[in-house]
Amino acid sequence: MVTFELMAIAEEYIRLIFGLKIKQIRTDKDLSLFGLSKLCGLSKSYLNEIEKGKKYPKTDKIIKLAETFDVPYDNLVSLKLDKNLAPIGEILQSGILDEIPLELFGIQQSDLIDIIANAPSKVNAFISTIIEIAQHYNMSREGFYLASLRSYQEAHNNFFKDLEDKVVRCANSYQLDLSGKITSADLEDILKEEYGYTINAAGIPKQEELDNLRSVFVPSTKTLLLSDRVDEAQKTFIYAKELGYQYLEIIERPYTFSWIKYDNFEEVLHNFYASYFAGALIIPRAHLKEHLKELFLMKRFSEKAFHKIMKLYNASPESFYQRLTNVLPKDFGMQNVFFLRFTHKLGAEKFNLVKELHITHQQQPHANEVNEHYCRRWMAIKILQHTATEDLDYAFNIQISDYVDTDQQYLVFTSATKDPFRKDYYRSIGIGFLKSSTLEKKINFVNDTKILKEKVGVTCESCSLVDCEVRMAPPKQLLAKEKHKKTAELVEGIMKQYS
C-alpha cells in the first residue's frame, strides 16, 4: 500500500499522521486506550506509542484496527486527514517545524502535534503563530526566544493577574504607597535591609563596549553595579526589577540590563516577569486607571492632561507606554492595540523597529522584511526625525493614521527622547488603537478635529499612495503584482487565440 506520495514524506510524519487518525477515530467512538486495547487485542502501551507517532504498526495490526473501528484499511493508511485535522497535515508537510528549534524548549514535535490535535479549532491560530515566529527567527536563540515571548504576551492580552496581585501584596508588606510616587530611595532601602544588597552607584567601567549597560548584578556578593548615567526614573525601574526578582524568588535570570544575553527561555520569561513587576509597582494599576478615566472623558484631547498623568509616576516614557499595554486592554476593553519602539541615528536614513507588541491580532504597523522602508508618514518616524534634527530631549505628538490600502484607522500617541547612553541616537515609543465605534464610546476625544489625520502605508515597497512627498522607494511589491496580473491576462488571451 506504499505510494510514491508516502515515499516523498518523511517516515516520522507518516507515523504522526497515522497516530492522529487512530486517536481521532478512537475519541470519536468514545473509547479509552484501555477499551480499544480490549477490543483489538493490542496492548494499551503499544496503542499509546502509535497515537504519539512513535510506532507504525505492521499490516496485520492495521487490519485489526480497521476491523475494530469498522473503517476501510485504505482510509487508515492514507495521508489524507479530515477537515478538522487537515491543517496539521499542512504543517507537517510544509517543513516549518524542522526550521524551528523546538528542542531548545525541550519540546518534541509529537507532543506539540498532540496538543494541536486536542484543540483543532485553534489550529489556524497556531499556524499563524508558528509562521510569525519563523519569519522573525534569525538563526539565533535570542531572536526565537523573544518572538516566543511576544506570542506569550499577546496570548494573555499582555495582562498577568498573578503578578498584579503579588505587586499589591509586596507594596503592603513593605509599606510602599501605591497612590504616590515611589522613589529609588524607597526601593534601595528595601534591597539593602531586606535582601542584603550592596549598591555601587558608579560601578560600571567607562568603556565603549559597555556604553549601553545600565546595571550589572553580581549574585555571589549581591552587589548591584549601576552606570553613573542612569537618571532617577531608570534607577527606580532597575531597583523595582531587582525587588521583583527577589520577591518572586526567581533564581534563573539574566544579570545585566539593558544588554542581555539569554542562555535559555526561562531567563527570557523571568526577565519579563521582573520587568512586568517593576512596571506594575512604579505605575500602580488602580491609580492609573482612575486618572485615565478622567482623560478619556474629555471631548478635546489635552496634551497637558496626558503629560500630567505621566508625571504622576517616577517612570520613563517607555515604562509608561508599556504599562498602558497592560491596563488598557484589561480595564478599558481596548484590545486592538499595538506598541512600537523605534531607534534612529542622526543623519541615517534607516529607522529600526526594535520592539513591537500587538494585542489580539497583528495590527497594521509591524516589522517588515530587511531593507524595506517604513512609512515616513508614521508619527513614530516623523517625531524621531524632528527630535533628531532639533536635538530635543523630548517630543510628543498624536495623530489618526489612515491606512491607504485598508479601511483601518488608528489613534496613535508617540513620544520621542534622546538616548542618554549613545551619542546622536534617538528613540520613539508609540501606542496605537484601532479606531472603531467601540473606541469612540471609550475615548471621547477620538473624533477631535484638531487631531491630525494622515494617510499612511506600511512600507514604501508595499504602499499604493500616489505622489507621496516622503516616499523612500518605489512600490516594488505592487508593481510586481501588476506585472504578474498583466502577464496572466496576456497568456489567457494567447490561450484563447489558439484554442
Protein backbone atom coordinates (compact mmCIF):
# COMPACT_ATOMS: atom_id res chain seq x y z
CA MET A 1 0.00 0.00 0.00
CA VAL A 2 3.04 2.26 -0.05
CA THR A 3 2.71 5.00 -2.68
CA PHE A 4 5.12 7.49 -4.19
CA GLU A 5 3.32 10.15 -2.10
CA LEU A 6 4.21 8.20 1.04
CA MET A 7 7.84 7.90 -0.01
CA ALA A 8 8.09 11.65 -0.58
CA ILE A 9 7.24 12.44 3.03
CA ALA A 10 9.50 11.75 5.99
CA GLU A 11 8.83 8.47 7.78
CA GLU A 12 8.32 10.31 11.07
CA TYR A 13 5.48 12.36 9.58
CA ILE A 14 3.78 9.21 8.26
CA ARG A 15 3.79 7.80 11.81
CA LEU A 16 2.46 11.08 13.24
CA ILE A 17 -0.39 11.32 10.72
CA PHE A 18 -1.34 7.67 11.29
CA GLY A 19 -1.30 8.22 15.06
CA LEU A 20 -3.51 11.31 14.76
CA LYS A 21 -6.04 9.31 12.73
CA ILE A 22 -6.16 6.48 15.27
CA LYS A 23 -6.59 8.88 18.16
CA GLN A 24 -9.32 10.85 16.39
CA ILE A 25 -11.33 7.73 15.46
CA ARG A 26 -10.91 6.32 18.99
CA THR A 27 -12.10 9.55 20.66
CA ASP A 28 -14.98 9.90 18.17
CA LYS A 29 -16.13 6.44 19.26
CA ASP A 30 -15.74 7.45 22.91
CA LEU A 31 -13.19 4.71 23.57
CA SER A 32 -10.38 4.86 26.10
CA LEU A 33 -6.99 3.37 25.25
CA PHE A 34 -7.85 0.59 27.69
CA GLY A 35 -11.15 -0.04 25.92
CA LEU A 36 -9.56 -0.09 22.47
CA SER A 37 -6.90 -2.48 23.75
CA LYS A 38 -9.58 -4.94 24.89
CA LEU A 39 -11.38 -4.75 21.54
CA CYS A 40 -8.42 -5.13 19.19
CA GLY A 41 -6.04 -7.23 21.32
CA LEU A 42 -3.11 -4.78 21.10
CA SER A 43 -1.56 -3.61 24.35
CA LYS A 44 -2.50 -0.21 25.78
CA SER A 45 1.15 0.92 25.86
CA TYR A 46 1.65 -0.07 22.20
CA LEU A 47 -1.50 1.80 21.16
CA ASN A 48 -0.29 4.84 23.11
CA GLU A 49 3.00 4.79 21.19
CA ILE A 50 1.10 4.52 17.90
CA GLU A 51 -1.01 7.56 18.76
CA LYS A 52 2.06 9.58 19.72
CA GLY A 53 3.66 8.81 16.36
CA LYS A 54 6.46 6.70 17.84
CA LYS A 55 5.40 3.39 16.25
CA TYR A 56 3.92 2.42 12.89
CA PRO A 57 2.14 -0.97 13.09
CA LYS A 58 2.63 -3.80 10.64
CA THR A 59 -0.06 -4.68 8.10
CA ASP A 60 -1.75 -7.34 10.24
CA LYS A 61 -2.13 -4.93 13.17
CA ILE A 62 -3.52 -2.18 10.91
CA ILE A 63 -6.09 -4.71 9.64
CA LYS A 64 -7.07 -5.44 13.28
CA LEU A 65 -7.52 -1.71 13.96
CA ALA A 66 -9.53 -1.20 10.75
CA GLU A 67 -11.84 -4.10 11.69
CA THR A 68 -12.22 -2.82 15.25
CA PHE A 69 -13.09 0.68 14.07
CA ASP A 70 -15.17 -0.62 11.15
CA VAL A 71 -13.34 1.63 8.68
CA PRO A 72 -11.60 0.72 5.39
CA TYR A 73 -7.91 -0.21 5.60
CA ASP A 74 -7.12 2.32 2.86
CA ASN A 75 -8.63 5.14 4.94
CA LEU A 76 -6.27 4.38 7.82
CA VAL A 77 -3.08 4.29 5.76
CA SER A 78 -3.99 7.27 3.55
CA LEU A 79 -2.17 10.53 4.31
CA LYS A 80 -5.44 12.41 3.96
CA LEU A 81 -6.78 13.92 7.17
CA ASP A 82 -10.35 15.08 7.66
CA LYS A 83 -11.12 18.80 7.60
CA ASN A 84 -10.58 19.26 11.36
CA LEU A 85 -7.05 17.89 11.24
CA ALA A 86 -6.10 18.87 7.67
CA PRO A 87 -4.13 21.98 8.78
CA ILE A 88 -1.90 19.72 10.90
CA GLY A 89 -1.01 17.75 7.80
CA GLU A 90 -0.14 21.03 6.09
CA ILE A 91 2.18 21.92 8.98
CA LEU A 92 3.87 18.53 8.85
CA GLN A 93 4.36 18.58 5.09
CA SER A 94 5.46 22.24 4.94
CA GLY A 95 8.67 21.58 6.87
CA ILE A 96 8.05 24.61 9.13
CA LEU A 97 8.62 22.57 12.29
CA ASP A 98 12.02 21.42 11.01
CA GLU A 99 13.20 25.04 10.80
CA ILE A 100 12.21 25.95 14.34
CA PRO A 101 14.44 24.61 17.15
CA LEU A 102 11.70 23.21 19.38
CA GLU A 103 14.31 21.14 21.22
CA LEU A 104 15.65 24.36 22.77
CA PHE A 105 12.49 24.34 24.86
CA GLY A 106 12.57 20.59 25.45
CA ILE A 107 9.54 20.18 23.15
CA GLN A 108 9.05 17.12 20.97
CA GLN A 109 7.20 17.55 17.68
CA SER A 110 4.86 14.70 18.60
CA ASP A 111 3.93 16.44 21.88
CA LEU A 112 3.24 19.68 20.06
CA ILE A 113 1.11 17.97 17.44
CA ASP A 114 -0.77 16.13 20.19
CA ILE A 115 -1.62 19.49 21.76
CA ILE A 116 -2.87 20.78 18.41
CA ALA A 117 -4.88 17.64 17.76
CA ASN A 118 -6.73 18.16 21.06
CA ALA A 119 -7.76 21.68 20.04
CA PRO A 120 -8.41 21.58 16.27
CA SER A 121 -10.39 24.82 16.37
CA LYS A 122 -7.20 26.62 17.37
CA VAL A 123 -5.03 25.12 14.64
CA ASN A 124 -5.21 28.17 12.40
CA ALA A 125 -4.09 30.43 15.26
CA PHE A 126 -1.24 28.03 15.91
CA ILE A 127 -0.18 28.09 12.26
CA SER A 128 -0.17 31.91 12.29
CA THR A 129 1.98 31.95 15.42
CA ILE A 130 4.44 29.41 14.01
CA ILE A 131 4.73 31.34 10.75
CA GLU A 132 5.30 34.63 12.60
CA ILE A 133 7.98 33.05 14.76
CA ALA A 134 9.61 31.52 11.70
CA GLN A 135 9.66 34.92 9.98
CA HIS A 136 11.32 36.51 12.98
CA TYR A 137 13.68 33.59 13.59
CA ASN A 138 17.13 34.78 12.54
CA MET A 139 19.28 31.74 13.39
CA SER A 140 19.88 33.00 16.91
CA ARG A 141 18.40 31.64 20.11
CA GLU A 142 17.66 35.16 21.36
CA GLY A 143 15.58 36.01 18.30
CA PHE A 144 13.47 32.89 18.65
CA TYR A 145 13.11 33.32 22.42
CA LEU A 146 11.91 36.92 22.11
CA ALA A 147 9.44 36.09 19.31
CA SER A 148 8.07 33.31 21.52
CA LEU A 149 7.80 35.69 24.48
CA ARG A 150 5.86 38.19 22.39
CA SER A 151 3.43 35.44 21.34
CA TYR A 152 3.07 34.53 25.03
CA GLN A 153 2.27 38.15 25.95
CA GLU A 154 -0.22 38.51 23.11
CA ALA A 155 -1.94 35.23 24.05
CA HIS A 156 -2.59 36.70 27.53
CA ASN A 157 -3.53 40.18 26.23
CA ASN A 158 -0.34 41.28 28.00
CA PHE A 159 -2.08 41.17 31.39
CA PHE A 160 -0.94 38.87 34.21
CA LYS A 161 -3.23 38.98 37.23
CA ASP A 162 -0.98 36.87 39.46
CA LEU A 163 1.85 39.39 39.03
CA GLU A 164 -0.53 42.32 39.62
CA ASP A 165 -1.70 40.69 42.86
CA LYS A 166 1.85 39.99 44.03
CA VAL A 167 2.81 43.63 43.45
CA VAL A 168 -0.04 44.75 45.72
CA ARG A 169 0.99 42.23 48.40
CA CYS A 170 4.62 43.34 48.14
CA ALA A 171 3.66 47.01 48.46
CA ASN A 172 1.55 46.25 51.53
CA SER A 173 4.33 44.18 53.06
CA TYR A 174 6.93 46.94 52.66
CA GLN A 175 4.52 49.82 53.19
CA LEU A 176 5.02 51.31 49.75
CA ASP A 177 2.41 53.90 48.80
CA LEU A 178 0.62 52.78 45.62
CA SER A 179 -1.07 56.17 45.28
CA GLY A 180 2.12 58.20 45.36
CA LYS A 181 5.39 58.49 43.50
CA ILE A 182 7.71 55.66 44.56
CA THR A 183 11.35 56.78 44.60
CA SER A 184 14.60 54.92 44.07
CA ALA A 185 15.48 55.68 47.73
CA ASP A 186 12.33 53.82 48.89
CA LEU A 187 13.38 50.72 46.96
CA GLU A 188 17.09 50.98 47.72
CA ASP A 189 16.36 50.71 51.45
CA ILE A 190 14.37 47.51 50.90
CA LEU A 191 17.08 45.93 48.73
CA LYS A 192 19.76 46.73 51.30
CA GLU A 193 17.86 45.99 54.51
CA GLU A 194 15.73 43.04 53.44
CA TYR A 195 17.84 41.35 50.78
CA GLY A 196 21.41 42.28 51.72
CA TYR A 197 22.27 44.19 48.54
CA THR A 198 25.41 46.29 48.18
CA ILE A 199 24.86 49.06 45.63
CA ASN A 200 27.64 50.82 43.74
CA ALA A 201 26.13 53.86 42.01
CA ALA A 202 29.03 54.25 39.55
CA GLY A 203 30.34 50.71 39.34
CA ILE A 204 30.32 50.12 35.58
CA PRO A 205 33.66 50.99 33.92
CA LYS A 206 33.66 53.70 31.24
CA GLN A 207 34.44 51.60 28.18
CA GLU A 208 32.85 51.95 24.75
CA GLU A 209 31.69 48.32 24.70
CA LEU A 210 29.84 48.88 27.98
CA ASP A 211 28.11 52.12 26.92
CA ASN A 212 24.68 50.53 26.73
CA LEU A 213 24.91 48.84 30.15
CA ARG A 214 22.79 50.35 32.88
CA SER A 215 23.28 47.74 35.59
CA VAL A 216 25.10 44.52 36.43
CA PHE A 217 24.15 42.22 39.32
CA VAL A 218 26.82 40.01 40.90
CA PRO A 219 24.89 37.18 42.63
CA SER A 220 27.75 35.78 44.71
CA THR A 221 28.03 39.03 46.72
CA LYS A 222 24.60 40.51 45.94
CA THR A 223 26.35 43.55 44.52
CA LEU A 224 24.41 45.78 42.13
CA LEU A 225 26.57 47.96 39.88
CA LEU A 226 24.98 50.96 38.16
CA SER A 227 26.04 53.24 35.33
CA ASP A 228 26.57 56.79 36.54
CA ARG A 229 24.39 57.95 33.64
CA VAL A 230 21.10 56.41 34.82
CA ASP A 231 18.56 59.03 35.81
CA GLU A 232 16.12 58.79 38.70
CA ALA A 233 13.39 57.06 36.69
CA GLN A 234 15.81 54.48 35.27
CA LYS A 235 17.32 53.83 38.69
CA THR A 236 13.85 53.33 40.17
CA PHE A 237 12.98 50.83 37.45
CA ILE A 238 16.25 48.90 37.98
CA TYR A 239 15.63 48.72 41.73
CA ALA A 240 11.99 47.70 41.23
CA LYS A 241 13.08 44.97 38.85
CA GLU A 242 15.65 43.66 41.36
CA LEU A 243 12.94 43.68 44.02
CA GLY A 244 10.78 41.71 41.59
CA TYR A 245 13.47 39.03 41.18
CA GLN A 246 13.81 38.73 44.95
CA TYR A 247 10.12 38.91 45.89
CA LEU A 248 9.13 36.42 43.18
CA GLU A 249 12.01 34.18 44.31
CA ILE A 250 13.45 33.99 40.81
CA ILE A 251 16.84 32.29 40.61
CA GLU A 252 17.43 31.70 36.90
CA ARG A 253 17.74 35.20 35.49
CA PRO A 254 19.94 37.50 33.39
CA TYR A 255 22.38 39.63 35.40
CA THR A 256 22.73 42.62 33.06
CA PHE A 257 20.43 45.41 31.89
CA SER A 258 19.77 46.60 29.21
CA TRP A 259 22.27 44.49 27.24
CA ILE A 260 21.14 40.91 27.83
CA LYS A 261 22.47 37.59 26.63
CA TYR A 262 19.94 34.83 27.19
CA ASP A 263 21.07 31.26 27.74
CA ASN A 264 17.58 29.71 27.85
CA PHE A 265 13.92 30.57 27.63
CA GLU A 266 13.49 30.52 31.41
CA GLU A 267 15.75 33.57 31.63
CA VAL A 268 13.70 35.38 28.98
CA LEU A 269 10.46 34.62 30.80
CA HIS A 270 11.84 35.54 34.22
CA ASN A 271 13.28 38.80 32.88
CA PHE A 272 9.81 39.63 31.56
CA TYR A 273 8.16 38.76 34.90
CA ALA A 274 10.57 41.02 36.80
CA SER A 275 10.07 43.85 34.29
CA TYR A 276 6.29 43.49 34.48
CA PHE A 277 6.53 43.50 38.30
CA ALA A 278 8.61 46.70 38.19
CA GLY A 279 6.19 48.49 35.87
CA ALA A 280 3.18 47.47 37.97
CA LEU A 281 4.89 48.65 41.17
CA ILE A 282 6.02 52.03 39.83
CA ILE A 283 2.76 52.69 37.94
CA PRO A 284 0.01 51.11 40.09
CA ARG A 285 -2.93 49.77 38.10
CA ALA A 286 -5.81 51.14 40.22
CA HIS A 287 -4.25 54.61 40.46
CA LEU A 288 -3.53 54.82 36.72
CA LYS A 289 -6.98 53.53 35.82
CA GLU A 290 -8.77 56.35 37.67
CA HIS A 291 -6.70 59.07 36.01
CA LEU A 292 -7.11 57.56 32.53
CA LYS A 293 -10.89 57.56 33.02
CA GLU A 294 -10.77 61.32 33.55
CA LEU A 295 -8.58 61.82 30.46
CA PHE A 296 -10.86 59.74 28.23
CA LEU A 297 -13.95 61.70 29.32
CA MET A 298 -12.55 64.88 27.71
CA LYS A 299 -14.20 65.96 24.44
CA ARG A 300 -10.93 67.51 23.22
CA PHE A 301 -7.51 65.94 23.54
CA SER A 302 -5.29 67.71 26.06
CA GLU A 303 -1.56 67.13 25.78
CA LYS A 304 -1.16 68.87 29.13
CA ALA A 305 -3.58 66.43 30.81
CA PHE A 306 -1.83 63.45 29.18
CA HIS A 307 1.57 64.53 30.46
CA LYS A 308 0.15 65.38 33.86
CA ILE A 309 -0.73 61.70 34.24
CA MET A 310 2.74 60.62 33.02
CA LYS A 311 4.39 62.88 35.60
CA LEU A 312 2.44 61.27 38.46
CA TYR A 313 4.90 58.38 38.27
CA ASN A 314 8.64 58.07 38.64
CA ALA A 315 8.85 56.36 35.26
CA SER A 316 10.34 56.86 31.81
CA PRO A 317 8.01 57.48 28.84
CA GLU A 318 8.72 53.93 27.66
CA SER A 319 7.70 52.41 31.01
CA PHE A 320 4.52 54.50 30.94
CA TYR A 321 3.57 53.40 27.42
CA GLN A 322 4.38 49.77 28.24
CA ARG A 323 2.14 49.96 31.28
CA LEU A 324 -0.70 51.23 29.12
CA THR A 325 -0.49 47.97 27.14
CA ASN A 326 -1.27 46.08 30.37
CA VAL A 327 -4.07 48.28 31.71
CA LEU A 328 -5.99 49.47 28.64
CA PRO A 329 -6.83 46.02 27.17
CA LYS A 330 -7.85 44.63 30.56
CA ASP A 331 -9.60 47.55 32.26
CA PHE A 332 -10.93 49.51 29.29
CA GLY A 333 -11.55 46.71 26.78
CA MET A 334 -9.19 48.32 24.24
CA GLN A 335 -7.75 45.17 22.75
CA ASN A 336 -6.92 46.23 19.19
CA VAL A 337 -3.71 47.87 20.36
CA PHE A 338 -0.12 47.98 19.13
CA PHE A 339 3.08 49.16 20.83
CA LEU A 340 6.21 50.11 18.85
CA ARG A 341 9.70 51.29 19.79
CA PHE A 342 11.99 52.70 17.12
CA THR A 343 15.61 53.79 17.25
CA HIS A 344 17.35 56.20 14.86
CA LYS A 345 20.81 57.66 14.41
CA LEU A 346 21.15 61.30 13.43
CA GLY A 347 21.85 61.60 9.71
CA ALA A 348 20.95 58.00 8.87
CA GLU A 349 18.08 57.07 6.57
CA LYS A 350 17.27 53.90 8.49
CA PHE A 351 14.73 53.63 11.31
CA ASN A 352 14.96 50.41 13.34
CA LEU A 353 11.87 48.80 14.82
CA VAL A 354 13.39 47.18 17.90
CA LYS A 355 10.29 46.28 19.89
CA GLU A 356 6.69 45.58 18.98
CA LEU A 357 3.60 44.13 20.59
CA HIS A 358 0.14 43.53 19.13
CA ILE A 359 -2.78 42.76 21.41
CA THR A 360 -5.46 40.37 19.99
CA HIS A 361 -4.14 40.26 16.42
CA GLN A 362 -1.48 41.63 14.09
CA GLN A 363 -2.25 45.33 13.61
CA GLN A 364 -1.17 47.33 10.56
CA PRO A 365 2.21 48.69 11.76
CA HIS A 366 4.55 45.71 12.13
CA ALA A 367 8.09 44.54 11.45
CA ASN A 368 8.90 44.33 7.77
CA GLU A 369 11.35 42.46 5.60
CA VAL A 370 15.00 43.52 5.58
CA ASN A 371 15.79 46.65 3.54
CA GLU A 372 12.21 47.87 3.22
CA HIS A 373 11.38 51.41 4.27
CA TYR A 374 8.79 52.12 6.96
CA CYS A 375 6.23 54.75 6.01
CA ARG A 376 7.71 58.20 6.70
CA ARG A 377 4.21 59.47 7.46
CA TRP A 378 4.02 57.36 10.61
CA MET A 379 4.07 59.56 13.69
CA ALA A 380 6.81 57.35 15.13
CA ILE A 381 9.09 58.25 12.19
CA LYS A 382 8.11 61.92 11.89
CA ILE A 383 8.67 62.63 15.56
CA LEU A 384 12.02 60.82 15.52
CA GLN A 385 13.18 62.91 12.58
CA HIS A 386 12.04 66.09 14.32
CA THR A 387 13.68 65.15 17.65
CA ALA A 388 16.98 64.26 15.98
CA THR A 389 17.07 67.33 13.70
CA GLU A 390 16.25 69.72 16.52
CA ASP A 391 18.35 67.78 19.07
CA LEU A 392 15.44 67.69 21.53
CA ASP A 393 15.44 65.88 24.86
CA TYR A 394 11.74 65.06 24.50
CA ALA A 395 8.93 65.48 21.97
CA PHE A 396 5.33 64.30 21.74
CA ASN A 397 2.57 64.18 19.14
CA ILE A 398 -0.69 62.44 18.30
CA GLN A 399 -2.39 61.60 15.00
CA ILE A 400 -5.02 59.47 13.30
CA SER A 401 -3.17 57.14 10.91
CA ASP A 402 -5.47 56.26 7.99
CA TYR A 403 -4.07 53.21 6.18
CA VAL A 404 -4.48 53.72 2.45
CA ASP A 405 -4.76 50.04 1.45
CA THR A 406 -7.32 49.10 4.12
CA ASP A 407 -10.30 50.71 5.81
CA GLN A 408 -8.45 50.86 9.13
CA GLN A 409 -7.59 53.97 11.11
CA TYR A 410 -5.53 54.14 14.31
CA LEU A 411 -5.36 56.74 17.04
CA VAL A 412 -1.63 56.95 17.77
CA PHE A 413 0.23 58.54 20.70
CA THR A 414 4.01 58.87 20.31
CA SER A 415 6.84 60.23 22.46
CA ALA A 416 10.48 60.56 21.43
CA THR A 417 13.59 61.05 23.54
CA LYS A 418 17.33 61.26 23.26
CA ASP A 419 19.22 58.06 24.01
CA PRO A 420 21.27 59.04 27.09
CA PHE A 421 23.68 56.17 26.53
CA ARG A 422 24.57 56.72 22.86
CA LYS A 423 25.58 59.98 21.22
CA ASP A 424 23.41 61.08 18.26
CA TYR A 425 20.88 58.30 18.84
CA TYR A 426 17.17 58.85 19.43
CA ARG A 427 14.18 56.63 20.12
CA SER A 428 10.40 56.85 19.88
CA ILE A 429 7.76 54.94 21.78
CA GLY A 430 4.23 54.75 20.44
CA ILE A 431 0.90 53.16 21.20
CA GLY A 432 -1.98 52.95 18.74
CA PHE A 433 -5.67 51.99 18.99
CA LEU A 434 -7.84 50.74 16.15
CA LYS A 435 -10.49 53.42 15.57
CA SER A 436 -13.99 51.96 15.82
CA SER A 437 -17.44 52.76 17.18
CA THR A 438 -16.41 50.87 20.33
CA LEU A 439 -13.32 53.04 20.80
CA GLU A 440 -15.41 56.19 20.26
CA LYS A 441 -17.52 55.18 23.25
CA LYS A 442 -14.43 54.71 25.42
CA ILE A 443 -12.36 57.76 24.36
CA ASN A 444 -14.47 60.89 23.87
CA PHE A 445 -11.76 62.86 22.06
CA VAL A 446 -11.15 60.23 19.38
CA ASN A 447 -13.03 62.42 16.85
CA ASP A 448 -11.40 65.68 17.94
CA THR A 449 -11.00 67.59 14.64
CA LYS A 450 -7.77 69.18 15.90
CA ILE A 451 -6.04 65.78 15.84
CA LEU A 452 -4.14 65.47 12.56
CA LYS A 453 -5.38 62.74 10.22
CA GLU A 454 -2.72 61.37 7.87
CA LYS A 455 -2.92 58.89 5.00
CA VAL A 456 -0.23 56.29 5.62
CA GLY A 457 1.11 52.98 4.32
CA VAL A 458 3.17 50.26 5.98
CA THR A 459 6.34 50.26 3.90
CA CYS A 460 7.13 52.25 0.78
CA GLU A 461 7.61 49.00 -1.11
CA SER A 462 4.02 47.90 -0.41
CA CYS A 463 2.25 51.28 -0.45
CA SER A 464 -0.17 52.48 -3.14
CA LEU A 465 -0.11 56.14 -2.11
CA VAL A 466 0.24 58.35 -5.18
CA ASP A 467 2.53 61.42 -5.22
CA CYS A 468 3.83 60.80 -1.70
CA GLU A 469 6.30 63.57 -0.91
CA VAL A 470 8.28 61.40 1.54
CA ARG A 471 8.40 58.13 -0.40
CA MET A 472 11.81 56.47 0.01
CA ALA A 473 11.42 53.67 -2.58
CA PRO A 474 9.08 52.66 -5.43
CA PRO A 475 6.19 50.29 -4.58
CA LYS A 476 8.01 47.23 -5.93
CA GLN A 477 5.57 44.74 -4.40
CA LEU A 478 2.60 46.40 -6.09
CA LEU A 479 4.48 46.81 -9.38
CA ALA A 480 5.37 43.10 -9.33
CA LYS A 481 1.71 42.16 -8.69
CA GLU A 482 0.58 44.42 -11.53
CA LYS A 483 3.13 42.88 -13.89
CA HIS A 484 2.03 39.38 -12.87
CA LYS A 485 -1.63 40.30 -13.46
CA LYS A 486 -0.86 41.75 -16.90
CA THR A 487 1.17 38.67 -17.83
CA ALA A 488 -1.70 36.39 -16.76
CA GLU A 489 -4.16 38.39 -18.90
CA LEU A 490 -1.88 38.20 -21.95
CA VAL A 491 -1.32 34.46 -21.50
CA GLU A 492 -5.07 33.94 -21.23
CA GLY A 493 -5.53 35.87 -24.49
CA ILE A 494 -2.92 33.69 -26.26
CA MET A 495 -4.60 30.52 -24.97
CA LYS A 496 -7.99 31.70 -26.30
CA GLN A 497 -6.47 32.64 -29.64
CA TYR A 498 -5.10 29.15 -30.22
CA SER A 499 -7.94 27.16 -28.61
